PDB file of N, CA and C in Angstrom:
ATOM      1  N   GLN A   1      25.399  32.335 -46.705  1.00  0.00           N
ATOM      2  CA  GLN A   1      26.263  32.379 -45.548  1.00  0.00           C
ATOM      3  C   GLN A   1      25.775  33.433 -44.558  1.00  0.00           C
ATOM      4  N   SER A   2      25.349  34.601 -45.046  1.00  0.00           N
ATOM      5  CA  SER A   2      24.876  35.629 -44.124  1.00  0.00           C
ATOM      6  C   SER A   2      23.621  35.161 -43.394  1.00  0.00           C
ATOM      7  N   PHE A   3      22.764  34.386 -44.058  1.00  0.00           N
ATOM      8  CA  PHE A   3      21.582  33.842 -43.390  1.00  0.00           C
ATOM      9  C   PHE A   3      21.984  32.895 -42.269  1.00  0.00           C
ATOM     10  N   ALA A   4      22.886  31.987 -42.556  1.00  0.00           N
ATOM     11  CA  ALA A   4      23.310  30.995 -41.567  1.00  0.00           C
ATOM     12  C   ALA A   4      23.990  31.625 -40.359  1.00  0.00           C
ATOM     13  N   ASN A   5      24.651  32.744 -40.554  1.00  0.00           N
ATOM     14  CA  ASN A   5      25.387  33.392 -39.470  1.00  0.00           C
ATOM     15  C   ASN A   5      24.642  34.556 -38.830  1.00  0.00           C
ATOM     16  N   ASP A   6      23.414  34.819 -39.219  1.00  0.00           N
ATOM     17  CA  ASP A   6      22.656  35.956 -38.698  1.00  0.00           C
ATOM     18  C   ASP A   6      22.038  35.606 -37.346  1.00  0.00           C
ATOM     19  N   LEU A   7      22.626  36.115 -36.282  1.00  0.00           N
ATOM     20  CA  LEU A   7      22.122  35.854 -34.937  1.00  0.00           C
ATOM     21  C   LEU A   7      21.095  36.887 -34.496  1.00  0.00           C
ATOM     22  N   THR A   8      20.874  37.928 -35.284  1.00  0.00           N
ATOM     23  CA  THR A   8      19.891  38.945 -34.922  1.00  0.00           C
ATOM     24  C   THR A   8      18.471  38.523 -35.291  1.00  0.00           C
ATOM     25  N   ARG A   9      18.336  37.570 -36.194  1.00  0.00           N
ATOM     26  CA  ARG A   9      17.026  37.073 -36.618  1.00  0.00           C
ATOM     27  C   ARG A   9      17.041  35.540 -36.618  1.00  0.00           C
ATOM     28  N   PRO A  10      17.086  34.932 -35.453  1.00  0.00           N
ATOM     29  CA  PRO A  10      17.176  33.466 -35.411  1.00  0.00           C
ATOM     30  C   PRO A  10      15.944  32.812 -36.034  1.00  0.00           C
ATOM     31  N   GLN A  11      16.167  31.747 -36.779  1.00  0.00           N
ATOM     32  CA  GLN A  11      15.086  31.048 -37.469  1.00  0.00           C
ATOM     33  C   GLN A  11      14.895  29.611 -37.003  1.00  0.00           C
ATOM     34  N   LEU A  12      15.772  29.120 -36.156  1.00  0.00           N
ATOM     35  CA  LEU A  12      15.629  27.746 -35.685  1.00  0.00           C
ATOM     36  C   LEU A  12      14.594  27.679 -34.573  1.00  0.00           C
ATOM     37  N   ILE A  13      13.689  26.723 -34.694  1.00  0.00           N
ATOM     38  CA  ILE A  13      12.628  26.532 -33.717  1.00  0.00           C
ATOM     39  C   ILE A  13      12.624  25.062 -33.328  1.00  0.00           C
ATOM     40  N   ALA A  14      12.550  24.795 -32.037  1.00  0.00           N
ATOM     41  CA  ALA A  14      12.511  23.413 -31.561  1.00  0.00           C
ATOM     42  C   ALA A  14      11.161  22.786 -31.917  1.00  0.00           C
ATOM     43  N   VAL A  15      11.216  21.663 -32.609  1.00  0.00           N
ATOM     44  CA  VAL A  15      10.003  20.931 -32.986  1.00  0.00           C
ATOM     45  C   VAL A  15      10.250  19.446 -32.764  1.00  0.00           C
ATOM     46  N   THR A  16       9.179  18.679 -32.801  1.00  0.00           N
ATOM     47  CA  THR A  16       9.322  17.235 -32.659  1.00  0.00           C
ATOM     48  C   THR A  16       9.997  16.657 -33.903  1.00  0.00           C
ATOM     49  N   ASP A  17      10.563  15.491 -33.739  1.00  0.00           N
ATOM     50  CA  ASP A  17      11.275  14.835 -34.832  1.00  0.00           C
ATOM     51  C   ASP A  17      10.365  14.582 -36.031  1.00  0.00           C
ATOM     52  N   ASN A  18       9.132  14.141 -35.765  1.00  0.00           N
ATOM     53  CA  ASN A  18       8.243  13.823 -36.889  1.00  0.00           C
ATOM     54  C   ASN A  18       7.856  15.077 -37.679  1.00  0.00           C
ATOM     55  N   VAL A  19       7.701  16.220 -37.008  1.00  0.00           N
ATOM     56  CA  VAL A  19       7.398  17.472 -37.718  1.00  0.00           C
ATOM     57  C   VAL A  19       8.604  17.893 -38.551  1.00  0.00           C
ATOM     58  N   ASN A  20       9.786  17.789 -37.973  1.00  0.00           N
ATOM     59  CA  ASN A  20      11.005  18.152 -38.691  1.00  0.00           C
ATOM     60  C   ASN A  20      11.189  17.281 -39.935  1.00  0.00           C
ATOM     61  N   GLN A  21      10.937  15.990 -39.798  1.00  0.00           N
ATOM     62  CA  GLN A  21      11.072  15.089 -40.942  1.00  0.00           C
ATOM     63  C   GLN A  21      10.010  15.367 -42.002  1.00  0.00           C
ATOM     64  N   ALA A  22       8.807  15.689 -41.570  1.00  0.00           N
ATOM     65  CA  ALA A  22       7.727  15.974 -42.521  1.00  0.00           C
ATOM     66  C   ALA A  22       8.036  17.223 -43.337  1.00  0.00           C
ATOM     67  N   LYS A  23       8.594  18.240 -42.689  1.00  0.00           N
ATOM     68  CA  LYS A  23       8.903  19.485 -43.382  1.00  0.00           C
ATOM     69  C   LYS A  23      10.087  19.320 -44.310  1.00  0.00           C
ATOM     70  N   GLY A  24      11.164  18.732 -43.803  1.00  0.00           N
ATOM     71  CA  GLY A  24      12.362  18.574 -44.622  1.00  0.00           C
ATOM     72  C   GLY A  24      12.778  19.895 -45.236  1.00  0.00           C
ATOM     73  N   ASP A  25      12.968  19.914 -46.547  1.00  0.00           N
ATOM     74  CA  ASP A  25      13.351  21.153 -47.239  1.00  0.00           C
ATOM     75  C   ASP A  25      12.190  21.716 -48.063  1.00  0.00           C
ATOM     76  N   LYS A  26      10.971  21.357 -47.692  1.00  0.00           N
ATOM     77  CA  LYS A  26       9.792  21.801 -48.441  1.00  0.00           C
ATOM     78  C   LYS A  26       9.470  23.269 -48.163  1.00  0.00           C
ATOM     79  N   ASP A  27       8.991  23.950 -49.199  1.00  0.00           N
ATOM     80  CA  ASP A  27       8.544  25.332 -49.022  1.00  0.00           C
ATOM     81  C   ASP A  27       7.045  25.323 -48.676  1.00  0.00           C
ATOM     82  N   PRO A  28       6.447  26.483 -48.408  1.00  0.00           N
ATOM     83  CA  PRO A  28       5.038  26.525 -48.007  1.00  0.00           C
ATOM     84  C   PRO A  28       4.044  25.994 -49.045  1.00  0.00           C
ATOM     85  N   ALA A  29       4.453  25.838 -50.281  1.00  0.00           N
ATOM     86  CA  ALA A  29       3.562  25.235 -51.278  1.00  0.00           C
ATOM     87  C   ALA A  29       3.398  23.740 -51.030  1.00  0.00           C
ATOM     88  N   LYS A  30       4.370  23.147 -50.355  1.00  0.00           N
ATOM     89  CA  LYS A  30       4.360  21.698 -50.132  1.00  0.00           C
ATOM     90  C   LYS A  30       4.199  21.302 -48.666  1.00  0.00           C
ATOM     91  N   TRP A  31       4.347  22.264 -47.747  1.00  0.00           N
ATOM     92  CA  TRP A  31       4.238  21.941 -46.323  1.00  0.00           C
ATOM     93  C   TRP A  31       3.840  23.179 -45.528  1.00  0.00           C
ATOM     94  N   MET A  32       2.947  22.973 -44.578  1.00  0.00           N
ATOM     95  CA  MET A  32       2.575  24.008 -43.608  1.00  0.00           C
ATOM     96  C   MET A  32       2.577  23.368 -42.228  1.00  0.00           C
ATOM     97  N   PRO A  33       2.796  24.163 -41.197  1.00  0.00           N
ATOM     98  CA  PRO A  33       2.808  23.610 -39.843  1.00  0.00           C
ATOM     99  C   PRO A  33       1.486  22.900 -39.527  1.00  0.00           C
ATOM    100  N   PRO A  34       1.548  21.793 -38.807  1.00  0.00           N
ATOM    101  CA  PRO A  34       0.321  21.064 -38.481  1.00  0.00           C
ATOM    102  C   PRO A  34      -0.592  21.836 -37.523  1.00  0.00           C
ATOM    103  N   ARG A  35      -0.018  22.715 -36.723  1.00  0.00           N
ATOM    104  CA  ARG A  35      -0.828  23.520 -35.795  1.00  0.00           C
ATOM    105  C   ARG A  35      -1.331  24.766 -36.521  1.00  0.00           C
ATOM    106  N   ALA A  36      -2.629  24.843 -36.733  1.00  0.00           N
ATOM    107  CA  ALA A  36      -3.219  25.988 -37.439  1.00  0.00           C
ATOM    108  C   ALA A  36      -2.886  27.303 -36.747  1.00  0.00           C
ATOM    109  N   ALA A  37      -2.797  27.293 -35.432  1.00  0.00           N
ATOM    110  CA  ALA A  37      -2.518  28.513 -34.674  1.00  0.00           C
ATOM    111  C   ALA A  37      -1.124  29.063 -34.965  1.00  0.00           C
ATOM    112  N   TYR A  38      -0.230  28.239 -35.466  1.00  0.00           N
ATOM    113  CA  TYR A  38       1.144  28.674 -35.740  1.00  0.00           C
ATOM    114  C   TYR A  38       1.363  29.058 -37.208  1.00  0.00           C
ATOM    115  N   LYS A  39       0.410  28.748 -38.056  1.00  0.00           N
ATOM    116  CA  LYS A  39       0.579  28.945 -39.499  1.00  0.00           C
ATOM    117  C   LYS A  39       0.911  30.398 -39.862  1.00  0.00           C
ATOM    118  N   CYS A  40       0.207  31.360 -39.273  1.00  0.00           N
ATOM    119  CA  CYS A  40       0.448  32.773 -39.600  1.00  0.00           C
ATOM    120  C   CYS A  40       1.850  33.205 -39.186  1.00  0.00           C
ATOM    121  N   THR A  41       2.278  32.788 -38.018  1.00  0.00           N
ATOM    122  CA  THR A  41       3.626  33.116 -37.546  1.00  0.00           C
ATOM    123  C   THR A  41       4.667  32.541 -38.492  1.00  0.00           C
ATOM    124  N   TYR A  42       4.470  31.295 -38.890  1.00  0.00           N
ATOM    125  CA  TYR A  42       5.393  30.617 -39.792  1.00  0.00           C
ATOM    126  C   TYR A  42       5.487  31.333 -41.142  1.00  0.00           C
ATOM    127  N   VAL A  43       4.345  31.663 -41.712  1.00  0.00           N
ATOM    128  CA  VAL A  43       4.315  32.293 -43.035  1.00  0.00           C
ATOM    129  C   VAL A  43       4.924  33.692 -42.984  1.00  0.00           C
ATOM    130  N   ARG A  44       4.615  34.448 -41.945  1.00  0.00           N
ATOM    131  CA  ARG A  44       5.208  35.787 -41.818  1.00  0.00           C
ATOM    132  C   ARG A  44       6.728  35.700 -41.712  1.00  0.00           C
ATOM    133  N   ALA A  45       7.223  34.749 -40.935  1.00  0.00           N
ATOM    134  CA  ALA A  45       8.674  34.576 -40.797  1.00  0.00           C
ATOM    135  C   ALA A  45       9.286  34.178 -42.140  1.00  0.00           C
ATOM    136  N   TRP A  46       8.614  33.300 -42.880  1.00  0.00           N
ATOM    137  CA  TRP A  46       9.100  32.859 -44.195  1.00  0.00           C
ATOM    138  C   TRP A  46       9.225  34.049 -45.144  1.00  0.00           C
ATOM    139  N   VAL A  47       8.181  34.880 -45.191  1.00  0.00           N
ATOM    140  CA  VAL A  47       8.185  36.054 -46.069  1.00  0.00           C
ATOM    141  C   VAL A  47       9.285  37.025 -45.650  1.00  0.00           C
ATOM    142  N   HIS A  48       9.444  37.210 -44.351  1.00  0.00           N
ATOM    143  CA  HIS A  48      10.482  38.123 -43.854  1.00  0.00           C
ATOM    144  C   HIS A  48      11.875  37.666 -44.300  1.00  0.00           C
ATOM    145  N   VAL A  49      12.163  36.396 -44.177  1.00  0.00           N
ATOM    146  CA  VAL A  49      13.469  35.866 -44.584  1.00  0.00           C
ATOM    147  C   VAL A  49      13.661  36.034 -46.094  1.00  0.00           C
ATOM    148  N   LYS A  50      12.650  35.717 -46.870  1.00  0.00           N
ATOM    149  CA  LYS A  50      12.752  35.873 -48.324  1.00  0.00           C
ATOM    150  C   LYS A  50      13.063  37.325 -48.687  1.00  0.00           C
ATOM    151  N   HIS A  51      12.377  38.254 -48.017  1.00  0.00           N
ATOM    152  CA  HIS A  51      12.591  39.677 -48.287  1.00  0.00           C
ATOM    153  C   HIS A  51      13.964  40.130 -47.794  1.00  0.00           C
ATOM    154  N   GLN A  52      14.298  39.773 -46.567  1.00  0.00           N
ATOM    155  CA  GLN A  52      15.552  40.215 -45.942  1.00  0.00           C
ATOM    156  C   GLN A  52      16.776  39.807 -46.760  1.00  0.00           C
ATOM    157  N   TYR A  53      16.755  38.606 -47.307  1.00  0.00           N
ATOM    158  CA  TYR A  53      17.915  38.089 -48.033  1.00  0.00           C
ATOM    159  C   TYR A  53      17.718  38.105 -49.552  1.00  0.00           C
ATOM    160  N   ASN A  54      16.667  38.797 -50.005  1.00  0.00           N
ATOM    161  CA  ASN A  54      16.407  38.955 -51.431  1.00  0.00           C
ATOM    162  C   ASN A  54      16.370  37.604 -52.153  1.00  0.00           C
ATOM    163  N   LEU A  55      15.627  36.664 -51.578  1.00  0.00           N
ATOM    164  CA  LEU A  55      15.509  35.322 -52.139  1.00  0.00           C
ATOM    165  C   LEU A  55      14.300  35.244 -53.062  1.00  0.00           C
ATOM    166  N   SER A  56      14.393  34.427 -54.072  1.00  0.00           N
ATOM    167  CA  SER A  56      13.299  34.299 -55.034  1.00  0.00           C
ATOM    168  C   SER A  56      12.148  33.469 -54.456  1.00  0.00           C
ATOM    169  N   VAL A  57      10.987  33.640 -55.077  1.00  0.00           N
ATOM    170  CA  VAL A  57       9.779  32.902 -54.706  1.00  0.00           C
ATOM    171  C   VAL A  57       9.166  32.387 -56.002  1.00  0.00           C
ATOM    172  N   ASP A  58       8.928  31.075 -56.093  1.00  0.00           N
ATOM    173  CA  ASP A  58       8.296  30.568 -57.313  1.00  0.00           C
ATOM    174  C   ASP A  58       6.779  30.765 -57.227  1.00  0.00           C
ATOM    175  N   SER A  59       6.086  30.525 -58.318  1.00  0.00           N
ATOM    176  CA  SER A  59       4.653  30.832 -58.372  1.00  0.00           C
ATOM    177  C   SER A  59       3.824  29.985 -57.406  1.00  0.00           C
ATOM    178  N   ALA A  60       4.156  28.715 -57.246  1.00  0.00           N
ATOM    179  CA  ALA A  60       3.416  27.861 -56.311  1.00  0.00           C
ATOM    180  C   ALA A  60       3.632  28.327 -54.872  1.00  0.00           C
ATOM    181  N   GLU A  61       4.860  28.679 -54.552  1.00  0.00           N
ATOM    182  CA  GLU A  61       5.184  29.179 -53.216  1.00  0.00           C
ATOM    183  C   GLU A  61       4.440  30.488 -52.950  1.00  0.00           C
ATOM    184  N   LYS A  62       4.451  31.384 -53.929  1.00  0.00           N
ATOM    185  CA  LYS A  62       3.767  32.677 -53.782  1.00  0.00           C
ATOM    186  C   LYS A  62       2.276  32.477 -53.549  1.00  0.00           C
ATOM    187  N   SER A  63       1.684  31.592 -54.308  1.00  0.00           N
ATOM    188  CA  SER A  63       0.257  31.313 -54.161  1.00  0.00           C
ATOM    189  C   SER A  63      -0.057  30.765 -52.771  1.00  0.00           C
ATOM    190  N   ALA A  64       0.761  29.842 -52.292  1.00  0.00           N
ATOM    191  CA  ALA A  64       0.555  29.267 -50.960  1.00  0.00           C
ATOM    192  C   ALA A  64       0.718  30.320 -49.874  1.00  0.00           C
ATOM    193  N   LEU A  65       1.703  31.195 -50.023  1.00  0.00           N
ATOM    194  CA  LEU A  65       1.926  32.264 -49.046  1.00  0.00           C
ATOM    195  C   LEU A  65       0.747  33.232 -49.033  1.00  0.00           C
ATOM    196  N   GLN A  66       0.283  33.634 -50.207  1.00  0.00           N
ATOM    197  CA  GLN A  66      -0.853  34.558 -50.284  1.00  0.00           C
ATOM    198  C   GLN A  66      -2.102  33.942 -49.670  1.00  0.00           C
ATOM    199  N   SER A  67      -2.334  32.690 -49.964  1.00  0.00           N
ATOM    200  CA  SER A  67      -3.499  31.997 -49.417  1.00  0.00           C
ATOM    201  C   SER A  67      -3.427  31.920 -47.895  1.00  0.00           C
ATOM    202  N   ALA A  68      -2.272  31.554 -47.380  1.00  0.00           N
ATOM    203  CA  ALA A  68      -2.107  31.450 -45.927  1.00  0.00           C
ATOM    204  C   ALA A  68      -2.246  32.811 -45.261  1.00  0.00           C
ATOM    205  N   LEU A  69      -1.633  33.831 -45.845  1.00  0.00           N
ATOM    206  CA  LEU A  69      -1.689  35.174 -45.251  1.00  0.00           C
ATOM    207  C   LEU A  69      -3.092  35.768 -45.292  1.00  0.00           C
ATOM    208  N   SER A  70      -3.899  35.374 -46.256  1.00  0.00           N
ATOM    209  CA  SER A  70      -5.262  35.907 -46.332  1.00  0.00           C
ATOM    210  C   SER A  70      -6.108  35.461 -45.142  1.00  0.00           C
ATOM    211  N   GLY A  71      -5.692  34.383 -44.489  1.00  0.00           N
ATOM    212  CA  GLY A  71      -6.414  33.899 -43.312  1.00  0.00           C
ATOM    213  C   GLY A  71      -5.852  34.399 -42.000  1.00  0.00           C
ATOM    214  N   CYS A  72      -4.857  35.261 -42.063  1.00  0.00           N
ATOM    215  CA  CYS A  72      -4.209  35.739 -40.826  1.00  0.00           C
ATOM    216  C   CYS A  72      -4.870  36.997 -40.275  1.00  0.00           C
TER     217      CYS A  72
END
């Protein structure tokens, strides 16, 4: 609930319908933004939210995040 109501760190980004459908509820282990130039921004925001709200990260997600961040 605190995540959904947090207006100080907005997470909604306008994207095309096909990108939104492709992402769905997938984490970075299963989906990354199609634009390579946006990947680092996306991954940093994902990590920030996980840290800010003390959310868990599974091993596949962690591996995908580390791999993506190594290229930033």
